[in-house]
Amino acid sequence: MNLPNRITLSRIALIPVFIVVFFLDAIPQGYNYLVAAVVFAVAAFTDFLDGHIARKRNLVTNLGKFLDPIADKVLVSTALILILARGEAVLKVLWEQDWVLIAAGVCVAVILARELIVSGFRMVAASSGLVLAADKIGKFKTVFQDIAVLFLLAGAVSYGAETVGAVLNGIGVVSLGIATVLTIWSGTSYIVRNRAVLKEERS
């Protein structure tokens, strides 16, 4: 197994670590969320690192093509779902109204739905021998998803000054909204651009 694939596996291994730290309430004043944010940041960085090394050293493999997108999607999906599970702690800093949690839930549902739809679309394409490349919008989407997770987690810490948490939380909420818009945009663009995949074969 080459180095990029090992890095990808390390990202997968960090997911249970992230989950444990996220729920580790023994750490006072919500600093477990900050530690979880650091773990998430390290895992997200490996997504850039493994791809960079694979391309630079010509170490791209089928295993890497399989593991890398799975690791990325599972990491982000897990983080977003956990944030919703602790919404009363993570999302309450800036606005305590219920609509914030509802809006965040809708955003997460849209993001997860998009990933499932595009994954299914790629499976159909693969059955026809086609390999569909990711677009730049999708990469920007991932960046804003990562930013949203990091700032929402950092904003949940009790800093002693509500302003700090409110600002960080606000950046996270706005980033999640932007990520959702980019998710819809990239998913729609991806399917429209490759709509020939869905055309029925004529006998």
Protein backbone atom coordinates (compact mmCIF):
# COMPACT_ATOMS: atom_id res chain seq x y z
CA MET A 1 0.00 0.00 0.00
CA ASN A 2 1.48 3.35 -1.04
CA LEU A 3 1.79 6.53 1.04
CA PRO A 4 -1.30 8.39 -0.27
CA ASN A 5 -3.53 5.41 0.51
CA ARG A 6 -2.07 5.17 4.01
CA ILE A 7 -2.84 8.85 4.54
CA THR A 8 -6.39 8.26 3.35
CA LEU A 9 -6.77 5.37 5.79
CA SER A 10 -5.48 7.63 8.57
CA ARG A 11 -8.32 10.03 7.76
CA ILE A 12 -10.81 7.20 8.14
CA ALA A 13 -9.14 6.22 11.44
CA LEU A 14 -9.54 9.78 12.74
CA ILE A 15 -13.33 9.66 12.32
CA PRO A 16 -13.98 7.53 15.46
CA VAL A 17 -11.46 9.70 17.33
CA PHE A 18 -13.45 12.77 16.29
CA ILE A 19 -16.70 11.15 17.49
CA VAL A 20 -15.28 10.20 20.90
CA VAL A 21 -13.78 13.63 21.53
CA PHE A 22 -16.96 15.38 20.35
CA PHE A 23 -19.03 13.61 23.03
CA LEU A 24 -16.34 13.79 25.71
CA ASP A 25 -18.22 16.05 28.11
CA ALA A 26 -15.60 15.43 30.80
CA ILE A 27 -13.61 18.21 29.14
CA PRO A 28 -15.02 21.41 30.75
CA GLN A 29 -16.55 24.52 29.14
CA GLY A 30 -17.13 22.88 25.81
CA TYR A 31 -13.44 22.57 24.97
CA ASN A 32 -14.16 19.05 23.73
CA TYR A 33 -15.69 20.78 20.69
CA LEU A 34 -12.47 22.72 20.15
CA VAL A 35 -10.39 19.54 20.36
CA ALA A 36 -12.85 17.88 17.97
CA ALA A 37 -12.37 20.84 15.61
CA VAL A 38 -8.60 20.28 15.68
CA VAL A 39 -9.04 16.57 14.93
CA PHE A 40 -11.41 17.45 12.08
CA ALA A 41 -8.94 20.02 10.71
CA VAL A 42 -6.13 17.44 10.68
CA ALA A 43 -8.38 14.90 8.97
CA ALA A 44 -9.56 17.47 6.40
CA PHE A 45 -5.94 18.42 5.66
CA THR A 46 -5.10 14.81 4.83
CA ASP A 47 -7.71 15.05 2.06
CA PHE A 48 -5.53 17.65 0.35
CA LEU A 49 -2.28 15.91 1.27
CA ASP A 50 -3.02 12.43 -0.11
CA GLY A 51 -4.26 13.79 -3.42
CA HIS A 52 -1.28 16.14 -3.78
CA ILE A 53 1.24 13.36 -3.11
CA ALA A 54 -0.57 10.90 -5.39
CA ARG A 55 -0.56 13.31 -8.32
CA LYS A 56 2.97 14.61 -7.76
CA ARG A 57 4.55 11.16 -7.43
CA ASN A 58 2.24 9.45 -9.92
CA LEU A 59 0.86 7.14 -7.24
CA VAL A 60 -2.79 7.28 -8.26
CA THR A 61 -4.38 3.84 -7.76
CA ASN A 62 -7.85 2.35 -8.04
CA LEU A 63 -7.84 1.78 -4.28
CA GLY A 64 -7.11 5.46 -3.75
CA LYS A 65 -9.87 6.48 -6.15
CA PHE A 66 -12.25 4.30 -4.14
CA LEU A 67 -11.15 5.24 -0.61
CA ASP A 68 -10.51 8.98 -0.96
CA PRO A 69 -14.05 10.20 -1.80
CA ILE A 70 -15.56 7.77 0.72
CA ALA A 71 -13.28 9.01 3.50
CA ASP A 72 -14.07 12.63 2.66
CA LYS A 73 -17.84 12.15 2.54
CA VAL A 74 -17.99 10.04 5.71
CA LEU A 75 -15.89 12.58 7.62
CA VAL A 76 -18.00 15.60 6.64
CA SER A 77 -21.32 13.73 6.95
CA THR A 78 -20.41 12.47 10.42
CA ALA A 79 -19.42 15.93 11.59
CA LEU A 80 -22.61 17.56 10.29
CA ILE A 81 -24.85 14.88 11.80
CA LEU A 82 -23.13 15.16 15.19
CA ILE A 83 -23.50 18.93 15.14
CA LEU A 84 -27.24 18.47 14.65
CA ALA A 85 -27.30 15.90 17.46
CA ARG A 86 -25.82 18.51 19.79
CA GLY A 87 -27.58 21.43 18.15
CA GLU A 88 -28.68 22.91 21.45
CA ALA A 89 -25.01 23.32 22.38
CA VAL A 90 -23.35 23.97 19.04
CA LEU A 91 -25.93 26.14 17.29
CA LYS A 92 -27.38 28.18 20.14
CA VAL A 93 -24.59 30.73 20.60
CA LEU A 94 -25.57 33.24 17.94
CA TRP A 95 -29.33 32.72 17.82
CA GLU A 96 -31.37 30.75 20.30
CA GLN A 97 -34.44 30.64 18.07
CA ASP A 98 -35.59 27.23 16.88
CA TRP A 99 -35.38 28.26 13.23
CA VAL A 100 -31.57 28.10 13.33
CA LEU A 101 -31.62 24.40 14.18
CA ILE A 102 -34.36 23.79 11.60
CA ALA A 103 -32.41 25.65 8.90
CA ALA A 104 -29.24 23.73 9.78
CA GLY A 105 -31.17 20.46 9.56
CA VAL A 106 -32.45 21.35 6.10
CA CYS A 107 -28.93 22.29 4.97
CA VAL A 108 -27.49 19.01 6.22
CA ALA A 109 -30.32 17.04 4.58
CA VAL A 110 -29.65 18.77 1.24
CA ILE A 111 -25.89 18.14 1.50
CA LEU A 112 -26.36 14.44 2.30
CA ALA A 113 -28.99 14.02 -0.42
CA ARG A 114 -26.68 15.56 -2.98
CA GLU A 115 -23.86 13.18 -2.07
CA LEU A 116 -26.15 10.16 -2.37
CA ILE A 117 -27.57 11.31 -5.70
CA VAL A 118 -24.17 12.07 -7.23
CA SER A 119 -22.71 8.81 -5.91
CA GLY A 120 -25.57 6.89 -7.52
CA PHE A 121 -25.07 8.87 -10.72
CA ARG A 122 -21.39 7.91 -10.76
CA MET A 123 -22.29 4.26 -10.26
CA VAL A 124 -24.55 4.38 -13.33
CA ALA A 125 -21.74 6.02 -15.30
CA ALA A 126 -19.22 3.45 -14.10
CA SER A 127 -21.48 0.61 -15.23
CA SER A 128 -21.23 2.11 -18.71
CA GLY A 129 -17.46 2.40 -18.49
CA LEU A 130 -17.47 6.16 -17.93
CA VAL A 131 -15.37 8.01 -15.35
CA LEU A 132 -16.82 11.40 -14.39
CA ALA A 133 -14.39 13.96 -13.05
CA ALA A 134 -15.29 16.27 -10.18
CA ASP A 135 -15.76 19.95 -10.97
CA LYS A 136 -14.34 23.06 -9.29
CA ILE A 137 -17.68 24.04 -7.78
CA GLY A 138 -17.74 20.74 -5.93
CA LYS A 139 -14.30 21.47 -4.49
CA PHE A 140 -15.43 24.90 -3.28
CA LYS A 141 -18.45 23.19 -1.74
CA THR A 142 -16.20 20.90 0.25
CA VAL A 143 -14.07 23.84 1.43
CA PHE A 144 -17.12 25.70 2.77
CA GLN A 145 -18.43 22.54 4.42
CA ASP A 146 -15.11 22.18 6.24
CA ILE A 147 -15.13 25.86 7.24
CA ALA A 148 -18.69 25.53 8.55
CA VAL A 149 -17.84 22.52 10.71
CA LEU A 150 -14.68 24.11 12.12
CA PHE A 151 -16.28 27.44 13.03
CA LEU A 152 -19.46 25.90 14.45
CA LEU A 153 -17.39 23.69 16.72
CA ALA A 154 -15.03 26.50 17.73
CA GLY A 155 -18.00 28.78 18.43
CA ALA A 156 -19.49 26.29 20.88
CA VAL A 157 -16.65 26.75 23.37
CA SER A 158 -17.26 28.91 26.45
CA TYR A 159 -14.70 31.67 25.93
CA GLY A 160 -15.95 33.84 28.77
CA ALA A 161 -17.01 36.48 26.26
CA GLU A 162 -20.16 35.77 24.29
CA THR A 163 -19.02 37.98 21.41
CA VAL A 164 -16.22 35.60 20.40
CA GLY A 165 -18.47 32.57 20.31
CA ALA A 166 -21.19 34.52 18.52
CA VAL A 167 -18.82 35.67 15.77
CA LEU A 168 -17.37 32.19 15.24
CA ASN A 169 -20.84 30.64 15.30
CA GLY A 170 -22.11 33.23 12.84
CA ILE A 171 -19.29 32.47 10.40
CA GLY A 172 -20.10 28.78 10.73
CA VAL A 173 -23.82 29.26 10.09
CA VAL A 174 -23.19 31.50 7.06
CA SER A 175 -20.58 29.06 5.70
CA LEU A 176 -23.06 26.21 6.05
CA GLY A 177 -25.59 28.22 4.04
CA ILE A 178 -23.03 28.97 1.34
CA ALA A 179 -22.00 25.31 1.27
CA THR A 180 -25.64 24.32 0.76
CA VAL A 181 -26.05 26.72 -2.16
CA LEU A 182 -22.83 25.41 -3.73
CA THR A 183 -24.04 21.87 -3.06
CA ILE A 184 -27.23 22.44 -5.04
CA TRP A 185 -25.34 24.30 -7.77
CA SER A 186 -22.59 21.70 -8.16
CA GLY A 187 -24.98 18.73 -8.02
CA THR A 188 -27.32 20.20 -10.62
CA SER A 189 -24.44 21.27 -12.86
CA TYR A 190 -22.79 17.86 -12.54
CA ILE A 191 -25.89 15.95 -13.61
CA VAL A 192 -26.87 18.38 -16.39
CA ARG A 193 -23.33 18.34 -17.81
CA ASN A 194 -23.27 14.54 -17.84
CA ARG A 195 -26.96 13.95 -18.59
CA ALA A 196 -26.04 11.65 -21.48
CA VAL A 197 -25.36 8.99 -18.82
CA LEU A 198 -29.09 8.75 -18.16
CA LYS A 199 -30.09 8.24 -21.77
CA GLU A 200 -31.54 4.81 -22.39
CA GLU A 201 -29.62 2.57 -24.71
CA ARG A 202 -31.33 1.71 -27.96
CA SER A 203 -31.30 -1.89 -29.00
